[in-house]
Amino acid sequence: MNVLIVHAHPEPQSFTAALRDQAVETLQAQGHQVQVSDLYAMNWNPVASAEDFSTRENPEYLVYALEQRLGVKSQSLAPDIRQELDKLLWADLLILNFPIYWFSTPAILKGWIDRVLVSGVCYGGKRFYDQGGLRNKKALVTVTLGGREHMFGEGAIHGPLEDMLRPLLRGTLAYVGMEVLEPFVAWHVPYISSEAREQFLQGYRERLEHLQSDKPLLFPRLEQFDEALYPL
């Protein structure tokens, strides 16, 4: 299996980085091929703009998704986008590895999504959910956060973690056709002991060793809707 890990944390000694390293070690030990995109180390540009295209179909007015589609055909995508898109298309499994910032992803990771999930390749028209351009690939979201587990869930102070991750799990990964696995969550990591962190690493290692038995989360299928996308 080919695995792409997209890592988004500014501190190389962080526990998020330790999870990245654990994933690399565990997956390579199983014989998988692994590539890592360390967005901060790469100085990744998160800003989608007209500069992402060496030539434009419409130089007067930027419709970003349309220029993406045409940019693939004309090979006018910026080199950094093309490099990451090639990694993504190579991968059978995408792991997004990041800390929760403000109930969401770090801006640099959102920028990777905006620029690399290219229209016309990853999605477009009715090529979404089970018909998305990245169908037959899997995705695993691995997150760290400062809150305690009891702070998340129905009736909890912050509400369900799934609500925070919905734009990513459903609106992004499932939308482009990926089979989305249950996220791996390391709770309260800035405040726990070294022993507790080691337990999270061990749990992550065991999870990665048994990914083949993971059942993906359920999302809509186009066969459940008519041509106008009304439910059948």
C-alpha atoms as a PDB file:
ATOM      1  CA  MET A   1       0.000   0.000   0.000  1.00  0.00           C
ATOM      2  CA  ASN A   2       1.155   3.529  -0.780  1.00  0.00           C
ATOM      3  CA  VAL A   3       0.629   6.002   2.064  1.00  0.00           C
ATOM      4  CA  LEU A   4       0.823   9.787   2.030  1.00  0.00           C
ATOM      5  CA  ILE A   5       1.024  11.504   5.428  1.00  0.00           C
ATOM      6  CA  VAL A   6       0.253  15.222   5.356  1.00  0.00           C
ATOM      7  CA  HIS A   7       1.622  16.635   8.612  1.00  0.00           C
ATOM      8  CA  ALA A   8       0.701  20.099   9.876  1.00  0.00           C
ATOM      9  CA  HIS A   9       2.385  21.193  13.104  1.00  0.00           C
ATOM     10  CA  PRO A  10       4.960  23.989  13.490  1.00  0.00           C
ATOM     11  CA  GLU A  11       6.994  22.289  16.261  1.00  0.00           C
ATOM     12  CA  PRO A  12       9.250  19.384  15.172  1.00  0.00           C
ATOM     13  CA  GLN A  13       9.347  18.024  18.759  1.00  0.00           C
ATOM     14  CA  SER A  14       5.564  18.060  19.218  1.00  0.00           C
ATOM     15  CA  PHE A  15       3.489  15.022  20.119  1.00  0.00           C
ATOM     16  CA  THR A  16       1.756  15.439  16.753  1.00  0.00           C
ATOM     17  CA  ALA A  17       5.184  14.918  15.181  1.00  0.00           C
ATOM     18  CA  ALA A  18       5.663  11.831  17.358  1.00  0.00           C
ATOM     19  CA  LEU A  19       2.413  10.427  15.941  1.00  0.00           C
ATOM     20  CA  ARG A  20       3.698  11.118  12.433  1.00  0.00           C
ATOM     21  CA  ASP A  21       6.937   9.288  13.178  1.00  0.00           C
ATOM     22  CA  GLN A  22       5.017   6.398  14.738  1.00  0.00           C
ATOM     23  CA  ALA A  23       2.935   6.101  11.574  1.00  0.00           C
ATOM     24  CA  VAL A  24       6.001   6.088   9.331  1.00  0.00           C
ATOM     25  CA  GLU A  25       7.731   3.444  11.444  1.00  0.00           C
ATOM     26  CA  THR A  26       4.677   1.198  11.788  1.00  0.00           C
ATOM     27  CA  LEU A  27       3.598   1.353   8.157  1.00  0.00           C
ATOM     28  CA  GLN A  28       7.090   0.834   6.755  1.00  0.00           C
ATOM     29  CA  ALA A  29       7.556  -2.143   9.077  1.00  0.00           C
ATOM     30  CA  GLN A  30       4.479  -3.662   7.435  1.00  0.00           C
ATOM     31  CA  GLY A  31       6.055  -3.229   4.005  1.00  0.00           C
ATOM     32  CA  HIS A  32       4.060  -0.168   2.931  1.00  0.00           C
ATOM     33  CA  GLN A  33       5.568   2.696   0.938  1.00  0.00           C
ATOM     34  CA  VAL A  34       5.302   6.008   2.809  1.00  0.00           C
ATOM     35  CA  GLN A  35       5.759   9.624   1.765  1.00  0.00           C
ATOM     36  CA  VAL A  36       5.454  12.571   4.158  1.00  0.00           C
ATOM     37  CA  SER A  37       4.489  16.131   3.303  1.00  0.00           C
ATOM     38  CA  ASP A  38       5.562  18.200   6.327  1.00  0.00           C
ATOM     39  CA  LEU A  39       3.786  21.432   5.453  1.00  0.00           C
ATOM     40  CA  TYR A  40       5.626  23.758   7.843  1.00  0.00           C
ATOM     41  CA  ALA A  41       9.022  22.300   6.961  1.00  0.00           C
ATOM     42  CA  MET A  42       8.132  22.704   3.281  1.00  0.00           C
ATOM     43  CA  ASN A  43       7.069  26.309   3.882  1.00  0.00           C
ATOM     44  CA  TRP A  44       3.876  25.363   2.092  1.00  0.00           C
ATOM     45  CA  ASN A  45       1.958  28.269   0.578  1.00  0.00           C
ATOM     46  CA  PRO A  46      -1.659  27.959   1.815  1.00  0.00           C
ATOM     47  CA  VAL A  47      -3.092  30.794  -0.279  1.00  0.00           C
ATOM     48  CA  ALA A  48      -5.103  29.860  -3.368  1.00  0.00           C
ATOM     49  CA  SER A  49      -4.624  32.634  -5.925  1.00  0.00           C
ATOM     50  CA  ALA A  50      -4.098  33.476  -9.576  1.00  0.00           C
ATOM     51  CA  GLU A  51      -0.404  32.759  -9.030  1.00  0.00           C
ATOM     52  CA  ASP A  52      -1.285  29.046  -9.006  1.00  0.00           C
ATOM     53  CA  PHE A  53      -1.516  29.051 -12.819  1.00  0.00           C
ATOM     54  CA  SER A  54       1.231  29.881 -15.286  1.00  0.00           C
ATOM     55  CA  THR A  55      -1.431  30.570 -17.918  1.00  0.00           C
ATOM     56  CA  ARG A  56      -5.094  31.426 -17.504  1.00  0.00           C
ATOM     57  CA  GLU A  57      -8.170  30.626 -19.544  1.00  0.00           C
ATOM     58  CA  ASN A  58      -9.694  33.902 -18.373  1.00  0.00           C
ATOM     59  CA  PRO A  59      -7.022  36.412 -17.299  1.00  0.00           C
ATOM     60  CA  GLU A  60      -9.682  39.040 -16.545  1.00  0.00           C
ATOM     61  CA  TYR A  61     -11.680  37.167 -13.904  1.00  0.00           C
ATOM     62  CA  LEU A  62     -10.508  34.309 -11.676  1.00  0.00           C
ATOM     63  CA  VAL A  63     -12.834  31.333 -11.265  1.00  0.00           C
ATOM     64  CA  TYR A  64     -10.408  29.182  -9.291  1.00  0.00           C
ATOM     65  CA  ALA A  65     -12.041  25.762  -9.757  1.00  0.00           C
ATOM     66  CA  LEU A  66     -12.447  26.317 -13.498  1.00  0.00           C
ATOM     67  CA  GLU A  67      -8.816  27.365 -13.859  1.00  0.00           C
ATOM     68  CA  GLN A  68      -7.825  24.228 -11.913  1.00  0.00           C
ATOM     69  CA  ARG A  69      -9.627  22.019 -14.430  1.00  0.00           C
ATOM     70  CA  LEU A  70      -8.037  23.786 -17.360  1.00  0.00           C
ATOM     71  CA  GLY A  71      -4.682  23.929 -15.592  1.00  0.00           C
ATOM     72  CA  VAL A  72      -4.532  20.142 -15.396  1.00  0.00           C
ATOM     73  CA  LYS A  73      -5.137  19.836 -19.142  1.00  0.00           C
ATOM     74  CA  SER A  74      -2.682  22.579 -20.086  1.00  0.00           C
ATOM     75  CA  GLN A  75      -0.107  21.589 -17.431  1.00  0.00           C
ATOM     76  CA  SER A  76      -0.170  25.131 -16.109  1.00  0.00           C
ATOM     77  CA  LEU A  77      -0.628  24.297 -12.414  1.00  0.00           C
ATOM     78  CA  ALA A  78       2.031  25.672 -10.079  1.00  0.00           C
ATOM     79  CA  PRO A  79       4.848  23.142  -9.495  1.00  0.00           C
ATOM     80  CA  ASP A  80       4.148  22.817  -5.749  1.00  0.00           C
ATOM     81  CA  ILE A  81       0.507  21.910  -6.436  1.00  0.00           C
ATOM     82  CA  ARG A  82       1.452  19.430  -9.142  1.00  0.00           C
ATOM     83  CA  GLN A  83       3.974  17.743  -6.842  1.00  0.00           C
ATOM     84  CA  GLU A  84       1.430  17.293  -4.051  1.00  0.00           C
ATOM     85  CA  LEU A  85      -1.302  16.187  -6.443  1.00  0.00           C
ATOM     86  CA  ASP A  86       1.032  13.524  -7.840  1.00  0.00           C
ATOM     87  CA  LYS A  87       1.648  12.241  -4.297  1.00  0.00           C
ATOM     88  CA  LEU A  88      -2.076  12.184  -3.600  1.00  0.00           C
ATOM     89  CA  LEU A  89      -2.864  10.240  -6.763  1.00  0.00           C
ATOM     90  CA  TRP A  90      -0.039   7.801  -5.940  1.00  0.00           C
ATOM     91  CA  ALA A  91      -1.418   7.113  -2.469  1.00  0.00           C
ATOM     92  CA  ASP A  92      -3.852   4.364  -1.519  1.00  0.00           C
ATOM     93  CA  LEU A  93      -4.175   5.860   1.968  1.00  0.00           C
ATOM     94  CA  LEU A  94      -4.060   9.527   2.964  1.00  0.00           C
ATOM     95  CA  ILE A  95      -3.326  10.363   6.601  1.00  0.00           C
ATOM     96  CA  LEU A  96      -3.954  13.936   7.736  1.00  0.00           C
ATOM     97  CA  ASN A  97      -1.981  14.514  10.941  1.00  0.00           C
ATOM     98  CA  PHE A  98      -2.629  17.761  12.812  1.00  0.00           C
ATOM     99  CA  PRO A  99      -3.701  19.517  16.039  1.00  0.00           C
ATOM    100  CA  ILE A 100      -7.227  20.910  16.334  1.00  0.00           C
ATOM    101  CA  TYR A 101      -7.120  24.711  16.026  1.00  0.00           C
ATOM    102  CA  TRP A 102     -10.334  26.610  16.826  1.00  0.00           C
ATOM    103  CA  PHE A 103     -12.571  23.596  16.170  1.00  0.00           C
ATOM    104  CA  SER A 104     -10.898  23.100  12.798  1.00  0.00           C
ATOM    105  CA  THR A 105      -7.687  22.365  10.911  1.00  0.00           C
ATOM    106  CA  PRO A 106      -4.602  24.599  10.972  1.00  0.00           C
ATOM    107  CA  ALA A 107      -4.769  27.195   8.194  1.00  0.00           C
ATOM    108  CA  ILE A 108      -1.769  25.677   6.431  1.00  0.00           C
ATOM    109  CA  LEU A 109      -3.576  22.341   6.087  1.00  0.00           C
ATOM    110  CA  LYS A 110      -6.762  24.024   4.869  1.00  0.00           C
ATOM    111  CA  GLY A 111      -4.598  25.714   2.257  1.00  0.00           C
ATOM    112  CA  TRP A 112      -3.205  22.338   1.173  1.00  0.00           C
ATOM    113  CA  ILE A 113      -6.768  21.097   0.716  1.00  0.00           C
ATOM    114  CA  ASP A 114      -7.831  24.218  -1.194  1.00  0.00           C
ATOM    115  CA  ARG A 115      -4.924  24.045  -3.632  1.00  0.00           C
ATOM    116  CA  VAL A 116      -4.294  20.301  -4.026  1.00  0.00           C
ATOM    117  CA  LEU A 117      -7.798  18.831  -4.251  1.00  0.00           C
ATOM    118  CA  VAL A 118      -7.997  19.982  -7.831  1.00  0.00           C
ATOM    119  CA  SER A 119     -11.311  20.329  -9.622  1.00  0.00           C
ATOM    120  CA  GLY A 120     -11.556  18.041 -12.627  1.00  0.00           C
ATOM    121  CA  VAL A 121      -9.316  15.457 -10.968  1.00  0.00           C
ATOM    122  CA  CYS A 122     -10.565  15.018  -7.413  1.00  0.00           C
ATOM    123  CA  TYR A 123     -14.143  16.112  -8.022  1.00  0.00           C
ATOM    124  CA  GLY A 124     -16.344  17.937 -10.520  1.00  0.00           C
ATOM    125  CA  GLY A 125     -19.891  17.791 -11.855  1.00  0.00           C
ATOM    126  CA  LYS A 126     -21.503  14.790 -10.198  1.00  0.00           C
ATOM    127  CA  ARG A 127     -18.166  13.204  -9.403  1.00  0.00           C
ATOM    128  CA  PHE A 128     -18.569  13.332  -5.633  1.00  0.00           C
ATOM    129  CA  TYR A 129     -19.139  10.997  -2.692  1.00  0.00           C
ATOM    130  CA  ASP A 130     -19.004   7.400  -3.958  1.00  0.00           C
ATOM    131  CA  GLN A 131     -18.424   8.696  -7.516  1.00  0.00           C
ATOM    132  CA  GLY A 132     -15.659  11.132  -6.543  1.00  0.00           C
ATOM    133  CA  GLY A 133     -12.363  11.328  -8.335  1.00  0.00           C
ATOM    134  CA  LEU A 134     -10.475   9.776  -5.392  1.00  0.00           C
ATOM    135  CA  ARG A 135     -12.752   6.784  -4.889  1.00  0.00           C
ATOM    136  CA  ASN A 136     -11.058   3.522  -3.916  1.00  0.00           C
ATOM    137  CA  LYS A 137      -8.627   5.460  -1.723  1.00  0.00           C
ATOM    138  CA  LYS A 138      -8.837   5.591   2.073  1.00  0.00           C
ATOM    139  CA  ALA A 139      -8.376   8.501   4.456  1.00  0.00           C
ATOM    140  CA  LEU A 140      -7.486   8.598   8.142  1.00  0.00           C
ATOM    141  CA  VAL A 141      -7.608  11.771  10.208  1.00  0.00           C
ATOM    142  CA  THR A 142      -5.228  11.768  13.196  1.00  0.00           C
ATOM    143  CA  VAL A 143      -5.667  14.674  15.593  1.00  0.00           C
ATOM    144  CA  THR A 144      -4.331  15.991  18.866  1.00  0.00           C
ATOM    145  CA  LEU A 145      -6.102  18.487  21.084  1.00  0.00           C
ATOM    146  CA  GLY A 146      -5.868  20.068  24.502  1.00  0.00           C
ATOM    147  CA  GLY A 147      -9.357  19.237  25.727  1.00  0.00           C
ATOM    148  CA  ARG A 148     -10.277  16.239  27.834  1.00  0.00           C
ATOM    149  CA  GLU A 149     -12.393  13.491  26.313  1.00  0.00           C
ATOM    150  CA  HIS A 150     -15.374  14.209  28.587  1.00  0.00           C
ATOM    151  CA  MET A 151     -15.589  17.722  27.138  1.00  0.00           C
ATOM    152  CA  PHE A 152     -16.734  16.332  23.795  1.00  0.00           C
ATOM    153  CA  GLY A 153     -19.974  14.510  22.993  1.00  0.00           C
ATOM    154  CA  GLU A 154     -23.714  15.004  23.105  1.00  0.00           C
ATOM    155  CA  GLY A 155     -24.485  17.391  25.950  1.00  0.00           C
ATOM    156  CA  ALA A 156     -20.803  18.084  26.630  1.00  0.00           C
ATOM    157  CA  ILE A 157     -19.387  21.598  26.854  1.00  0.00           C
ATOM    158  CA  HIS A 158     -17.910  21.550  23.316  1.00  0.00           C
ATOM    159  CA  GLY A 159     -20.421  19.221  21.669  1.00  0.00           C
ATOM    160  CA  PRO A 160     -19.420  16.179  19.593  1.00  0.00           C
ATOM    161  CA  LEU A 161     -15.946  16.147  18.068  1.00  0.00           C
ATOM    162  CA  GLU A 162     -17.608  14.736  14.950  1.00  0.00           C
ATOM    163  CA  ASP A 163     -19.376  18.092  14.495  1.00  0.00           C
ATOM    164  CA  MET A 164     -16.027  19.894  14.387  1.00  0.00           C
ATOM    165  CA  LEU A 165     -14.605  17.393  11.923  1.00  0.00           C
ATOM    166  CA  ARG A 166     -17.692  17.195   9.687  1.00  0.00           C
ATOM    167  CA  PRO A 167     -16.413  19.738   7.099  1.00  0.00           C
ATOM    168  CA  LEU A 168     -13.259  17.646   6.769  1.00  0.00           C
ATOM    169  CA  LEU A 169     -14.626  14.103   7.051  1.00  0.00           C
ATOM    170  CA  ARG A 170     -17.764  14.589   4.972  1.00  0.00           C
ATOM    171  CA  GLY A 171     -17.381  17.872   3.114  1.00  0.00           C
ATOM    172  CA  THR A 172     -13.846  17.141   1.932  1.00  0.00           C
ATOM    173  CA  LEU A 173     -12.593  13.552   2.186  1.00  0.00           C
ATOM    174  CA  ALA A 174     -15.881  11.724   1.605  1.00  0.00           C
ATOM    175  CA  TYR A 175     -16.908  14.333  -0.966  1.00  0.00           C
ATOM    176  CA  VAL A 176     -13.944  13.497  -3.222  1.00  0.00           C
ATOM    177  CA  GLY A 177     -14.786   9.798  -2.966  1.00  0.00           C
ATOM    178  CA  MET A 178     -12.464   8.513  -0.270  1.00  0.00           C
ATOM    179  CA  GLU A 179     -13.415   5.813   2.211  1.00  0.00           C
ATOM    180  CA  VAL A 180     -13.104   7.741   5.468  1.00  0.00           C
ATOM    181  CA  LEU A 181     -11.970   5.782   8.517  1.00  0.00           C
ATOM    182  CA  GLU A 182     -12.837   6.597  12.118  1.00  0.00           C
ATOM    183  CA  PRO A 183     -10.447   9.344  13.294  1.00  0.00           C
ATOM    184  CA  PHE A 184      -7.687   8.638  15.786  1.00  0.00           C
ATOM    185  CA  VAL A 185      -7.766  11.159  18.637  1.00  0.00           C
ATOM    186  CA  ALA A 186      -5.130  11.914  21.272  1.00  0.00           C
ATOM    187  CA  TRP A 187      -6.804  13.894  24.048  1.00  0.00           C
ATOM    188  CA  HIS A 188      -5.384  16.555  26.396  1.00  0.00           C
ATOM    189  CA  VAL A 189      -1.835  15.979  25.133  1.00  0.00           C
ATOM    190  CA  PRO A 190      -0.186  19.241  26.307  1.00  0.00           C
ATOM    191  CA  TYR A 191      -0.984  18.333  29.921  1.00  0.00           C
ATOM    192  CA  ILE A 192      -0.598  14.561  30.269  1.00  0.00           C
ATOM    193  CA  SER A 193       2.343  12.478  31.479  1.00  0.00           C
ATOM    194  CA  SER A 194       4.979  10.832  29.327  1.00  0.00           C
ATOM    195  CA  GLU A 195       3.433   7.484  30.231  1.00  0.00           C
ATOM    196  CA  ALA A 196       0.016   8.612  28.989  1.00  0.00           C
ATOM    197  CA  ARG A 197       1.554   9.844  25.754  1.00  0.00           C
ATOM    198  CA  GLU A 198       3.256   6.492  25.296  1.00  0.00           C
ATOM    199  CA  GLN A 199      -0.123   4.802  25.695  1.00  0.00           C
ATOM    200  CA  PHE A 200      -1.511   6.947  22.873  1.00  0.00           C
ATOM    201  CA  LEU A 201       1.452   6.008  20.682  1.00  0.00           C
ATOM    202  CA  GLN A 202       0.942   2.339  21.427  1.00  0.00           C
ATOM    203  CA  GLY A 203      -2.763   2.647  20.645  1.00  0.00           C
ATOM    204  CA  TYR A 204      -1.950   4.382  17.369  1.00  0.00           C
ATOM    205  CA  ARG A 205       0.556   1.701  16.454  1.00  0.00           C
ATOM    206  CA  GLU A 206      -2.039  -1.006  17.076  1.00  0.00           C
ATOM    207  CA  ARG A 207      -4.635   0.907  15.076  1.00  0.00           C
ATOM    208  CA  LEU A 208      -2.291   1.233  12.097  1.00  0.00           C
ATOM    209  CA  GLU A 209      -1.389  -2.447  12.254  1.00  0.00           C
ATOM    210  CA  HIS A 210      -5.063  -3.382  11.788  1.00  0.00           C
ATOM    211  CA  LEU A 211      -6.261  -0.774   9.303  1.00  0.00           C
ATOM    212  CA  GLN A 212      -7.397  -3.440   6.859  1.00  0.00           C
ATOM    213  CA  SER A 213     -10.141  -4.459   9.272  1.00  0.00           C
ATOM    214  CA  ASP A 214     -11.390  -0.879   9.763  1.00  0.00           C
ATOM    215  CA  LYS A 215     -14.873  -0.225   8.424  1.00  0.00           C
ATOM    216  CA  PRO A 216     -15.316   3.208   6.827  1.00  0.00           C
ATOM    217  CA  LEU A 217     -17.821   5.747   8.061  1.00  0.00           C
ATOM    218  CA  LEU A 218     -21.114   5.881   6.169  1.00  0.00           C
ATOM    219  CA  PHE A 219     -21.838   8.785   3.829  1.00  0.00           C
ATOM    220  CA  PRO A 220     -24.350   9.387   1.002  1.00  0.00           C
ATOM    221  CA  ARG A 221     -24.242   7.391  -2.218  1.00  0.00           C
ATOM    222  CA  LEU A 222     -25.495   8.914  -5.460  1.00  0.00           C
ATOM    223  CA  GLU A 223     -27.755   5.925  -6.081  1.00  0.00           C
ATOM    224  CA  GLN A 224     -29.847   7.159  -3.146  1.00  0.00           C
ATOM    225  CA  PHE A 225     -30.793  10.323  -5.101  1.00  0.00           C
ATOM    226  CA  ASP A 226     -32.480  11.165  -8.393  1.00  0.00           C
ATOM    227  CA  GLU A 227     -30.941  13.164 -11.259  1.00  0.00           C
ATOM    228  CA  ALA A 228     -31.766  16.434  -9.511  1.00  0.00           C
ATOM    229  CA  LEU A 229     -30.259  15.064  -6.276  1.00  0.00           C
ATOM    230  CA  TYR A 230     -33.559  14.767  -4.451  1.00  0.00           C
ATOM    231  CA  PRO A 231     -33.658  11.740  -2.115  1.00  0.00           C
ATOM    232  CA  LEU A 232     -35.347   8.712  -3.628  1.00  0.00           C
END
